[in-house]
Protein backbone atom coordinates (compact mmCIF):
# COMPACT_ATOMS: atom_id res chain seq x y z
CA MET A 1 -11.31 -16.41 -14.86
CA SER A 2 -11.62 -12.60 -14.73
CA ASN A 3 -9.17 -10.33 -16.55
CA GLU A 4 -7.96 -9.07 -13.18
CA ARG A 5 -7.05 -12.59 -12.05
CA ILE A 6 -5.39 -13.33 -15.39
CA LEU A 7 -3.31 -10.15 -15.19
CA GLU A 8 -2.30 -10.95 -11.61
CA LYS A 9 -1.15 -14.39 -12.72
CA ILE A 10 0.84 -12.92 -15.62
CA GLN A 11 2.43 -10.33 -13.31
CA LYS A 12 3.54 -13.09 -10.92
CA CYS A 13 5.09 -14.96 -13.83
CA MET A 14 6.86 -11.82 -15.03
CA ALA A 15 8.24 -11.28 -11.53
CA LEU A 16 9.54 -14.86 -11.45
CA SER A 17 11.10 -14.35 -14.89
CA GLU A 18 13.66 -12.09 -13.19
CA SER A 19 14.83 -14.92 -10.94
CA SER A 20 18.56 -15.62 -10.72
CA ASN A 21 17.70 -19.24 -11.46
CA GLU A 22 17.88 -19.37 -15.27
CA ASN A 23 15.57 -22.38 -15.66
CA GLU A 24 12.95 -20.91 -13.34
CA ALA A 25 13.17 -17.52 -15.09
CA ALA A 26 12.81 -19.05 -18.57
CA SER A 27 9.87 -21.22 -17.50
CA ALA A 28 8.06 -18.27 -15.88
CA LEU A 29 8.56 -16.05 -18.94
CA LYS A 30 7.27 -18.81 -21.23
CA GLN A 31 4.19 -19.24 -19.01
CA ALA A 32 3.53 -15.48 -19.04
CA GLN A 33 3.78 -15.37 -22.84
CA LYS A 34 1.39 -18.32 -23.17
CA LEU A 35 -1.19 -16.64 -20.93
CA MET A 36 -0.89 -13.35 -22.82
CA GLU A 37 -1.33 -15.08 -26.17
CA LYS A 38 -4.26 -17.18 -24.92
CA HIS A 39 -6.17 -14.16 -23.60
CA GLY A 40 -5.15 -11.68 -26.30
CA LEU A 41 -3.13 -9.46 -23.97
CA THR A 42 -0.04 -7.41 -24.76
CA SER A 43 2.86 -6.40 -22.55
CA SER A 44 1.33 -2.89 -22.45
CA ASP A 45 -1.91 -4.36 -21.07
CA VAL A 46 0.05 -6.10 -18.34
CA LEU A 47 2.01 -2.97 -17.49
CA MET A 48 -1.10 -0.75 -17.49
CA ALA A 49 -2.62 -3.07 -14.88
CA GLN A 50 0.28 -2.08 -12.63
CA VAL A 51 -0.36 1.68 -12.98
CA ASN A 52 -1.17 3.31 -9.66
CA GLU A 53 -1.62 6.82 -8.29
CA CYS A 54 -0.60 8.39 -5.01
CA SER A 55 -1.07 11.92 -3.70
CA THR A 56 1.04 14.06 -1.40
CA LYS A 57 -0.22 16.01 1.54
CA SER A 58 -0.66 19.73 0.88
CA ILE A 59 2.64 21.24 -0.31
CA THR A 60 1.42 24.85 -0.61
CA ARG A 61 -1.58 27.06 0.07
CA ASN A 62 -1.09 28.84 -3.25
CA ARG A 63 -4.29 28.28 -5.18
CA ASP A 64 -3.35 29.64 -8.61
CA LYS A 65 0.32 29.06 -9.34
CA LEU A 66 3.25 27.06 -8.06
CA PRO A 67 6.56 28.92 -7.66
CA LEU A 68 8.96 27.92 -10.42
CA TRP A 69 11.32 26.27 -7.93
CA GLN A 70 8.54 24.11 -6.51
CA SER A 71 7.27 23.17 -9.96
CA CYS A 72 10.81 22.12 -10.93
CA LEU A 73 11.09 20.00 -7.78
CA VAL A 74 7.79 18.27 -8.61
CA THR A 75 9.05 17.55 -12.14
CA LEU A 76 12.45 16.39 -10.88
CA ILE A 77 10.89 13.79 -8.57
CA GLY A 78 8.42 12.64 -11.22
CA GLN A 79 11.11 12.06 -13.83
CA ALA A 80 13.43 10.39 -11.34
CA PHE A 81 10.77 7.76 -10.54
CA ASP A 82 9.12 7.46 -13.98
CA CYS A 83 5.89 9.16 -12.89
CA GLU A 84 3.52 11.72 -14.36
CA ALA A 85 2.72 14.57 -11.96
CA ILE A 86 -0.73 16.14 -11.67
CA SER A 87 -1.33 19.26 -9.58
CA LEU A 88 -4.68 19.33 -7.75
CA TRP A 89 -6.34 21.94 -5.55
CA HIS A 90 -8.22 20.94 -2.40
CA PRO A 91 -9.63 23.06 0.44
CA ALA A 92 -6.63 22.01 2.56
CA GLY A 93 -4.19 23.23 -0.10
CA ARG A 94 -2.46 22.12 -3.29
CA THR A 95 -1.41 18.50 -3.59
CA ILE A 96 0.57 16.60 -6.21
CA GLN A 97 -0.69 13.29 -7.54
CA TYR A 98 1.91 11.00 -9.08
CA VAL A 99 0.83 8.36 -11.60
CA GLY A 100 3.22 5.51 -12.38
CA CYS A 101 3.81 1.77 -12.30
CA GLY A 102 4.10 -0.47 -9.25
CA ILE A 103 5.28 1.38 -6.15
CA ASP A 104 6.89 4.21 -8.16
CA PRO A 105 4.10 6.73 -7.33
CA GLU A 106 4.33 5.92 -3.63
CA ILE A 107 8.09 6.43 -3.59
CA ALA A 108 7.78 9.64 -5.63
CA THR A 109 5.14 11.01 -3.25
CA TYR A 110 7.25 10.28 -0.19
CA SER A 111 10.35 11.75 -1.86
CA LEU A 112 8.57 14.98 -2.78
CA GLU A 113 7.21 15.44 0.75
CA VAL A 114 10.67 14.92 2.26
CA LEU A 115 12.57 17.18 -0.15
CA ASN A 116 9.88 19.86 -0.32
CA ARG A 117 9.87 20.10 3.48
CA GLN A 118 13.67 20.33 3.48
CA LEU A 119 13.79 22.99 0.76
CA VAL A 120 10.98 25.09 2.25
CA ALA A 121 12.90 25.20 5.54
CA GLN A 122 16.22 26.07 3.89
CA ARG A 123 14.61 28.71 1.67
CA ALA A 124 13.01 30.33 4.73
CA GLU A 125 16.32 30.25 6.60
CA TYR A 126 18.10 31.87 3.65
CA MET A 127 15.39 34.53 3.39
CA ARG A 128 15.90 35.42 7.06
CA SER A 129 19.62 35.88 6.43
CA LEU A 130 19.08 38.58 3.80
CA PRO A 131 19.77 42.25 4.71
CA ARG A 132 16.92 44.11 6.41
CA ARG A 133 17.23 46.96 3.92
CA MET A 134 15.92 44.72 1.15
CA SER A 135 12.23 45.04 0.34
CA SER A 136 9.89 42.11 0.92
CA ARG A 137 9.59 41.57 -2.84
CA GLN A 138 13.37 41.59 -3.30
CA LYS A 139 13.76 39.04 -0.52
CA THR A 140 11.13 36.79 -2.09
CA LEU A 141 12.81 36.92 -5.51
CA SER A 142 16.24 36.24 -4.00
CA ALA A 143 14.84 33.33 -1.98
CA ASN A 144 13.26 31.98 -5.16
CA SER A 145 16.62 32.18 -6.94
CA TYR A 146 18.19 30.32 -4.02
CA ALA A 147 15.56 27.56 -4.23
CA GLU A 148 15.93 27.26 -8.02
CA GLY A 149 19.68 26.80 -7.63
CA TRP A 150 19.04 24.20 -4.90
CA VAL A 151 16.77 22.14 -7.17
CA LEU A 152 19.21 22.35 -10.09
CA SER A 153 22.02 21.11 -7.86
CA ALA A 154 19.87 18.24 -6.56
CA ALA A 155 19.03 17.30 -10.16
CA GLU A 156 22.69 17.26 -11.17
CA LYS A 157 23.57 15.09 -8.17
CA ALA A 158 20.79 12.67 -9.12
CA GLY A 159 22.26 12.26 -12.59
CA ASN A 160 20.58 15.04 -14.58
CA VAL A 161 17.17 13.38 -14.39
CA PHE A 162 15.57 16.39 -16.10
CA GLU A 163 16.98 14.90 -19.33
CA ARG A 164 15.82 11.38 -18.48
CA LYS A 165 12.87 9.69 -20.19
CA PRO A 166 10.93 6.74 -18.74
CA PRO A 167 11.02 3.36 -20.50
CA GLU A 168 8.69 3.45 -23.51
CA GLU A 169 6.36 0.74 -22.19
CA LYS A 170 5.93 2.54 -18.87
CA ALA A 171 5.25 5.84 -20.62
CA GLU A 172 2.62 4.23 -22.86
CA ALA A 173 0.92 2.49 -19.93
CA ILE A 174 0.76 5.74 -17.92
CA LYS A 175 -0.57 7.66 -20.93
CA ALA A 176 -3.28 5.02 -21.51
CA PHE A 177 -4.22 5.10 -17.82
CA LEU A 178 -4.54 8.90 -17.83
CA GLN A 179 -6.63 8.88 -21.00
CA ALA A 180 -8.94 6.24 -19.53
CA ASN A 181 -9.33 8.31 -16.35
CA GLY A 182 -9.86 11.76 -17.82
CA GLY A 183 -6.25 12.84 -17.48
CA ASP A 184 -6.38 14.73 -20.77
CA ASP A 185 -8.95 17.12 -19.27
CA ILE A 186 -6.71 18.18 -16.35
CA PRO A 187 -5.22 21.65 -16.99
CA LYS A 188 -1.47 22.09 -16.80
CA GLN A 189 -0.21 23.74 -13.61
CA GLU A 190 0.86 27.35 -14.11
CA THR A 191 4.02 28.61 -12.46
CA THR A 192 5.28 32.00 -11.36
CA SER A 193 8.32 33.56 -13.00
CA GLY A 194 11.70 32.68 -11.50
CA GLY A 195 14.11 34.81 -9.54
CA ASN A 196 17.06 36.68 -11.06
CA ASP A 197 19.59 36.89 -8.22
CA ARG A 198 22.74 35.11 -9.39
CA ARG A 199 24.43 35.26 -5.99
CA SER A 200 21.45 33.65 -4.29
CA ALA A 201 21.24 31.00 -7.00
CA MET A 202 24.92 30.14 -6.46
CA LYS A 203 24.29 29.74 -2.72
CA GLY A 204 21.38 27.45 -3.53
CA LEU A 205 23.62 25.41 -5.83
CA GLN A 206 26.06 24.93 -2.96
CA ASP A 207 23.43 23.93 -0.40
CA GLY A 208 21.50 21.73 -2.85
CA ALA A 209 24.59 19.57 -3.30
CA ASP A 210 23.72 17.97 0.06
CA ALA A 211 20.26 16.95 -1.17
CA ASN A 212 19.86 13.31 -2.17
CA ILE A 213 16.61 12.28 -3.82
CA TRP A 214 17.55 8.60 -3.62
CA GLN A 215 17.92 8.60 0.18
CA SER A 216 14.15 8.78 0.56
CA VAL A 217 13.61 5.52 -1.34
CA GLY A 218 14.52 3.43 1.71
CA GLY A 219 12.21 5.51 3.89
CA ALA A 220 9.31 5.12 1.47
CA GLU A 221 9.75 1.37 1.25
CA GLU A 222 9.96 1.11 5.05
CA GLN A 223 6.72 3.10 5.46
CA ARG A 224 5.01 0.83 2.93
CA ARG A 225 6.25 -2.29 4.72
CA LEU A 226 4.91 -1.01 8.05
CA ARG A 227 1.49 -0.26 6.52
CA VAL A 228 1.28 -3.72 4.99
CA SER A 229 2.42 -5.52 8.15
CA GLY A 230 0.18 -3.37 10.33
């Protein structure tokens, strides 16, 4: 039996070990442990087999740097769904690739596309509301401050996920996956400096309170179900 088949069997047993039926759960966990011992596999090996990657559509045409607010949004989503974010440049624009376990990367990707689209629209609307006497650069910096406040507010509503760390086993599996796939050679994404307009940031904090990163989970799972059934 190939390692892939063995890992699939172990994963099915691990899934059954979470059953509400105590006897069934205990039996499945015991079977998974036996298979792991027989084939010299660890729980990290099993988890690493579940590591996947999923990429967004283009989120910006900026080739060199992401705005600080957008970089923070990418990080916010990654940490919320226990994923590592990688920024990649393609001819069509810059995309974000999330690496994580199970369907986490797919949900993170969907969430980023939804919230990025929402924030880009609100940032543009705020920018249009600024006084005409302001220079283009001043408007851009103020709009950036607004967007930074928006992301901070969304993070606070989500439970301060910027301070959250993924489970150790997941983190180790993702790290091993990245090392095996050249992830260490990917340069870190540079960001532009942030804005410095306190009033705009406060407005962003107010508007960002309506953002809910968890609301996109249902939408992501529905999209996945439709792809599978289709």
